[in-house]
Amino acid sequence: MFFSGEDIPRTFGDEYDNHKIFSYLKDIMAFYDTLSFSNYRPVEYTSILSKSKVLHVGTYIFSSLAGTIESIYVLLHNGRCNDAMALVRKYCDSIILDIYKTILEKQLREKVLENMSIESIKNNDVTNWIDAEGRLFDEKSMKTVYGKISEYYPELTRLFKLKNSNTLFHKLKEFCNDNMHNNYLYTMMANDAEMIKFREDLRLPMINSASKTIRFFFSIHFAFIYCGDALYMMSSDYIDYLNCGSQPPKGSERWLAPSVITAFDIVKKTVPDVADYLISLDIMDL
């Protein structure tokens, strides 16, 4: 994968230039690329109803997230820490949107199967969002959004403390907001690539904070995808065997794609209690 700007000379010092976040970002992008090209395509009745006739929204969500991660990589690589953190805030919003959209999609799917009619979900919020005729949520409805997420995934909500306002999740969001809105002078200074070459006291705290924030937000998304629909993460081997007319090896339906296994290492290092919980569910071979 080509990363725009990688040919620009690095002059921010070894600790910044070789920071672990850059390899993490490549692993996260590979994860989303894998999901966007997954053989797994659940039926999305909301997409079928859409005027735009997008067959599978998940493909575009995951590919978009891969693009956001690449943009963050480029900005950090080029010393634009402030802009990078503003994009991390967007990344967080995209994660919550995907989790919430998936929950609504499941509710609507259940309604269609219960009524045996796709007409029963006309004018739903997800289809309106796909057709750009309505938003899934806004700032005023976030309490409802987190309430719905808590209802469907109580244990993950508890582990990540998503509903509590004075927790790591919300503190990291506030740090991103400070950069998004330039609430302090140092956040604007952090976008001056020439200046931060000479300010280790600014560039290193910024990239360390970026690393902590991105890894935590990614861990949230990984966990909710795994609990919500782990088949997205499945290795292609099972389908490949079937396509070749061969019997897949026993248990191969539980195999994970290599990029997923690599990405799970980020979760294990960032939130080990969440990693232990996911392993305990025994959905796939983590």
Protein backbone atom coordinates (compact mmCIF):
# COMPACT_ATOMS: atom_id res chain seq x y z
CA MET A 1 0.00 0.00 0.00
CA PHE A 2 1.37 3.39 -1.01
CA PHE A 3 1.42 6.07 1.65
CA SER A 4 1.47 9.58 0.21
CA GLY A 5 4.34 11.59 1.58
CA GLU A 6 6.55 8.69 2.65
CA ASP A 7 9.30 9.98 0.37
CA ILE A 8 9.49 13.24 2.35
CA PRO A 9 12.67 13.30 4.49
CA ARG A 10 12.04 12.59 8.18
CA THR A 11 13.70 15.10 10.47
CA PHE A 12 11.73 14.94 13.71
CA GLY A 13 14.21 12.76 15.61
CA ASP A 14 14.49 8.98 15.88
CA GLU A 15 11.90 8.62 18.64
CA TYR A 16 9.26 10.38 16.54
CA ASP A 17 10.28 9.13 13.11
CA ASN A 18 10.35 5.50 14.25
CA HIS A 19 7.41 5.68 16.63
CA LYS A 20 5.39 2.47 16.93
CA ILE A 21 2.21 4.29 15.91
CA PHE A 22 3.25 4.16 12.26
CA SER A 23 3.33 0.37 12.20
CA TYR A 24 0.08 0.28 14.19
CA LEU A 25 -1.61 2.50 11.61
CA LYS A 26 -0.48 0.23 8.77
CA ASP A 27 -1.87 -2.78 10.64
CA ILE A 28 -5.19 -1.01 11.29
CA MET A 29 -5.50 0.02 7.66
CA ALA A 30 -4.79 -3.55 6.53
CA PHE A 31 -7.54 -4.70 8.92
CA TYR A 32 -10.13 -2.40 7.37
CA ASP A 33 -8.98 -3.26 3.85
CA THR A 34 -9.51 -6.94 4.65
CA LEU A 35 -13.03 -6.33 5.95
CA SER A 36 -13.96 -4.18 2.97
CA PHE A 37 -13.00 -7.04 0.61
CA SER A 38 -14.49 -9.78 2.79
CA ASN A 39 -16.37 -12.63 1.10
CA TYR A 40 -19.01 -12.23 3.79
CA ARG A 41 -21.97 -10.10 2.68
CA PRO A 42 -24.97 -10.16 5.04
CA VAL A 43 -28.31 -9.12 3.55
CA GLU A 44 -29.00 -5.44 4.14
CA TYR A 45 -32.67 -4.73 3.59
CA THR A 46 -32.06 -1.03 4.18
CA SER A 47 -29.71 -1.01 1.18
CA ILE A 48 -32.22 -2.88 -0.97
CA LEU A 49 -34.79 -0.16 -0.23
CA SER A 50 -32.32 2.59 -1.00
CA LYS A 51 -32.74 4.73 -4.10
CA SER A 52 -28.97 4.69 -4.54
CA LYS A 53 -29.03 0.87 -4.88
CA VAL A 54 -25.87 0.43 -2.84
CA LEU A 55 -25.79 -3.31 -2.28
CA HIS A 56 -23.60 -3.45 0.79
CA VAL A 57 -22.91 -0.37 2.90
CA GLY A 58 -20.37 -2.14 5.11
CA THR A 59 -17.91 -2.37 2.21
CA TYR A 60 -17.85 1.41 1.85
CA ILE A 61 -17.71 2.07 5.59
CA PHE A 62 -14.64 -0.12 6.03
CA SER A 63 -12.88 1.22 2.94
CA SER A 64 -13.60 4.78 4.09
CA LEU A 65 -12.12 4.03 7.51
CA ALA A 66 -9.01 2.62 5.82
CA GLY A 67 -8.71 5.93 3.99
CA THR A 68 -9.08 7.92 7.21
CA ILE A 69 -6.33 5.89 8.84
CA GLU A 70 -4.06 6.47 5.84
CA SER A 71 -4.70 10.22 6.08
CA ILE A 72 -3.80 10.18 9.78
CA TYR A 73 -0.61 8.31 8.92
CA VAL A 74 0.38 10.89 6.31
CA LEU A 75 -0.31 13.84 8.62
CA LEU A 76 1.67 12.36 11.50
CA HIS A 77 4.45 11.36 9.12
CA ASN A 78 4.69 14.95 7.92
CA GLY A 79 4.59 16.46 11.41
CA ARG A 80 1.04 17.84 11.23
CA CYS A 81 0.00 16.51 14.63
CA ASN A 82 -2.87 18.94 15.15
CA ASP A 83 -4.60 18.05 11.87
CA ALA A 84 -3.98 14.37 12.57
CA MET A 85 -5.78 14.56 15.91
CA ALA A 86 -8.71 16.36 14.30
CA LEU A 87 -9.01 13.38 11.95
CA VAL A 88 -8.78 10.98 14.89
CA ARG A 89 -11.90 12.71 16.25
CA LYS A 90 -13.63 12.03 12.94
CA TYR A 91 -12.45 8.42 13.16
CA CYS A 92 -14.09 8.10 16.58
CA ASP A 93 -17.38 9.47 15.24
CA SER A 94 -17.24 7.03 12.32
CA ILE A 95 -16.77 4.12 14.69
CA ILE A 96 -19.79 5.06 16.79
CA LEU A 97 -21.82 5.57 13.64
CA ASP A 98 -20.92 2.11 12.33
CA ILE A 99 -21.75 0.44 15.65
CA TYR A 100 -25.09 2.24 15.91
CA LYS A 101 -25.95 1.66 12.25
CA THR A 102 -25.26 -2.07 12.64
CA ILE A 103 -27.61 -2.26 15.63
CA LEU A 104 -30.38 -0.48 13.73
CA GLU A 105 -29.78 -2.76 10.74
CA LYS A 106 -30.23 -5.84 12.92
CA GLN A 107 -33.46 -4.48 14.39
CA LEU A 108 -34.84 -3.78 10.95
CA ARG A 109 -33.77 -7.20 9.65
CA GLU A 110 -35.64 -8.84 12.53
CA LYS A 111 -38.73 -6.77 11.71
CA VAL A 112 -38.63 -7.84 8.05
CA LEU A 113 -38.33 -11.52 8.99
CA GLU A 114 -41.08 -11.21 11.58
CA ASN A 115 -43.52 -9.59 9.15
CA MET A 116 -42.23 -11.44 6.07
CA SER A 117 -42.28 -8.15 4.19
CA ILE A 118 -39.63 -5.58 3.35
CA GLU A 119 -42.43 -3.01 3.15
CA SER A 120 -42.60 -3.07 6.96
CA ILE A 121 -39.39 -1.04 7.23
CA LYS A 122 -40.08 1.69 4.71
CA ASN A 123 -38.89 5.18 5.68
CA ASN A 124 -36.35 3.87 8.18
CA ASP A 125 -33.42 5.95 9.47
CA VAL A 126 -30.69 3.83 7.89
CA THR A 127 -32.13 3.97 4.38
CA ASN A 128 -32.69 7.71 4.74
CA TRP A 129 -29.04 8.04 5.78
CA ILE A 130 -27.88 6.02 2.77
CA ASP A 131 -29.95 8.25 0.48
CA ALA A 132 -28.71 11.44 2.20
CA GLU A 133 -32.25 12.27 3.29
CA GLY A 134 -31.58 12.16 7.03
CA ARG A 135 -28.85 11.76 9.65
CA LEU A 136 -28.48 8.73 11.87
CA PHE A 137 -27.83 10.95 14.89
CA ASP A 138 -26.50 14.30 16.02
CA GLU A 139 -24.96 15.65 19.24
CA LYS A 140 -28.38 16.06 20.85
CA SER A 141 -29.23 12.38 20.40
CA MET A 142 -25.95 10.90 21.67
CA LYS A 143 -27.57 9.81 24.94
CA THR A 144 -30.01 7.71 22.91
CA VAL A 145 -27.18 6.32 20.78
CA TYR A 146 -25.09 5.20 23.77
CA GLY A 147 -28.23 3.86 25.42
CA LYS A 148 -28.96 1.68 22.40
CA ILE A 149 -25.34 0.47 22.26
CA SER A 150 -25.48 -0.34 25.99
CA GLU A 151 -28.72 -2.25 25.51
CA TYR A 152 -27.24 -4.49 22.80
CA TYR A 153 -23.71 -4.79 24.15
CA PRO A 154 -23.84 -4.25 27.94
CA GLU A 155 -20.54 -5.95 28.70
CA LEU A 156 -18.52 -4.08 26.09
CA THR A 157 -20.16 -0.81 27.16
CA ARG A 158 -19.11 -1.58 30.73
CA LEU A 159 -15.57 -2.58 29.81
CA PHE A 160 -14.97 0.54 27.71
CA LYS A 161 -17.07 2.72 30.07
CA LEU A 162 -18.78 4.37 27.11
CA LYS A 163 -21.68 5.84 29.07
CA ASN A 164 -19.65 7.40 31.87
CA SER A 165 -18.65 11.00 31.10
CA ASN A 166 -15.47 11.07 33.19
CA THR A 167 -13.68 8.07 31.69
CA LEU A 168 -10.76 7.44 29.35
CA PHE A 169 -13.00 7.24 26.27
CA HIS A 170 -14.50 10.67 26.83
CA LYS A 171 -11.20 12.21 27.95
CA LEU A 172 -9.57 11.06 24.71
CA LYS A 173 -12.48 12.52 22.75
CA GLU A 174 -11.97 15.83 24.56
CA PHE A 175 -8.28 15.79 23.67
CA CYS A 176 -9.27 15.34 20.02
CA ASN A 177 -11.81 18.16 20.37
CA ASP A 178 -9.10 20.46 21.70
CA ASN A 179 -7.16 19.87 18.49
CA MET A 180 -10.22 20.05 16.27
CA HIS A 181 -11.23 23.47 17.62
CA ASN A 182 -7.76 24.73 18.59
CA ASN A 183 -8.86 25.31 22.17
CA TYR A 184 -5.27 26.05 23.20
CA LEU A 185 -2.29 27.68 21.52
CA TYR A 186 -0.15 24.55 21.75
CA THR A 187 -2.64 22.66 19.57
CA MET A 188 -2.11 25.17 16.75
CA MET A 189 1.64 25.07 17.29
CA ALA A 190 1.50 21.28 16.92
CA ASN A 191 0.60 21.75 13.26
CA ASP A 192 3.78 23.70 12.49
CA ALA A 193 6.07 20.95 11.19
CA GLU A 194 9.09 23.25 10.99
CA MET A 195 8.65 24.47 14.55
CA ILE A 196 8.15 21.07 16.19
CA LYS A 197 11.48 19.88 14.80
CA PHE A 198 12.98 21.96 17.59
CA ARG A 199 10.29 21.26 20.21
CA GLU A 200 10.68 17.71 21.50
CA ASP A 201 8.58 18.74 24.48
CA LEU A 202 5.65 19.23 22.08
CA ARG A 203 6.04 16.64 19.33
CA LEU A 204 6.67 13.61 21.56
CA PRO A 205 3.69 14.16 23.92
CA MET A 206 1.51 14.75 20.86
CA ILE A 207 2.50 11.57 19.03
CA ASN A 208 2.34 9.53 22.24
CA SER A 209 -1.18 10.84 22.85
CA ALA A 210 -2.12 10.13 19.24
CA SER A 211 -0.91 6.56 19.62
CA LYS A 212 -2.85 6.00 22.85
CA THR A 213 -6.03 7.51 21.41
CA ILE A 214 -5.99 5.70 18.07
CA ARG A 215 -5.24 2.33 19.67
CA PHE A 216 -8.08 2.76 22.18
CA PHE A 217 -10.63 3.84 19.58
CA PHE A 218 -9.58 1.01 17.27
CA SER A 219 -9.92 -1.51 20.10
CA ILE A 220 -13.51 -0.36 20.59
CA HIS A 221 -14.34 -0.92 16.94
CA PHE A 222 -12.59 -4.28 16.76
CA ALA A 223 -14.47 -5.54 19.81
CA PHE A 224 -17.89 -4.43 18.58
CA ILE A 225 -17.37 -5.87 15.09
CA TYR A 226 -16.24 -9.16 16.63
CA CYS A 227 -19.24 -9.37 18.94
CA GLY A 228 -21.69 -8.04 16.36
CA ASP A 229 -20.70 -10.00 13.26
CA ALA A 230 -17.39 -11.83 13.53
CA LEU A 231 -17.82 -13.44 10.11
CA TYR A 232 -16.45 -10.24 8.59
CA MET A 233 -13.11 -11.25 10.09
CA MET A 234 -13.10 -14.80 8.75
CA SER A 235 -10.19 -16.00 6.66
CA SER A 236 -10.96 -16.58 2.98
CA ASP A 237 -9.68 -20.17 3.23
CA TYR A 238 -13.08 -21.70 3.97
CA ILE A 239 -14.74 -20.11 0.92
CA ASP A 240 -11.66 -20.75 -1.22
CA TYR A 241 -11.90 -24.48 -0.51
CA LEU A 242 -15.59 -24.49 -1.46
CA ASN A 243 -14.93 -22.51 -4.64
CA CYS A 244 -12.34 -25.11 -5.63
CA GLY A 245 -14.83 -27.93 -5.02
CA SER A 246 -12.94 -29.20 -1.98
CA GLN A 247 -14.08 -29.94 1.54
CA PRO A 248 -12.82 -27.20 3.88
CA PRO A 249 -10.68 -28.44 6.78
CA LYS A 250 -12.56 -29.02 10.01
CA GLY A 251 -12.81 -25.81 12.02
CA SER A 252 -11.66 -23.59 9.15
CA GLU A 253 -14.88 -21.58 9.47
CA ARG A 254 -13.35 -20.24 12.70
CA TRP A 255 -10.07 -19.13 11.15
CA LEU A 256 -9.34 -15.42 11.10
CA ALA A 257 -7.70 -13.44 8.31
CA PRO A 258 -3.99 -12.75 8.98
CA SER A 259 -4.53 -8.99 9.19
CA VAL A 260 -7.22 -9.55 11.84
CA ILE A 261 -4.86 -11.62 13.96
CA THR A 262 -2.21 -8.90 13.67
CA ALA A 263 -4.73 -6.20 14.57
CA PHE A 264 -5.90 -8.17 17.60
CA ASP A 265 -2.40 -7.77 19.04
CA ILE A 266 -3.17 -4.04 19.28
CA VAL A 267 -6.29 -4.83 21.30
CA LYS A 268 -4.38 -7.18 23.60
CA LYS A 269 -1.74 -4.55 24.33
CA THR A 270 -4.19 -1.68 24.72
CA VAL A 271 -7.11 -3.20 26.63
CA PRO A 272 -6.11 -6.68 27.84
CA ASP A 273 -9.32 -7.13 29.84
CA VAL A 274 -11.37 -6.61 26.68
CA ALA A 275 -9.12 -9.04 24.78
CA ASP A 276 -9.68 -11.67 27.48
CA TYR A 277 -13.43 -11.14 27.23
CA LEU A 278 -13.41 -11.56 23.45
CA ILE A 279 -11.38 -14.75 23.72
CA SER A 280 -13.77 -16.09 26.37
CA LEU A 281 -16.70 -15.76 23.94
CA ASP A 282 -15.10 -18.45 21.75
CA ILE A 283 -16.71 -17.15 18.55
CA MET A 284 -13.64 -17.50 16.35
CA ASP A 285 -10.04 -18.66 16.82
CA LEU A 286 -8.56 -15.51 18.30
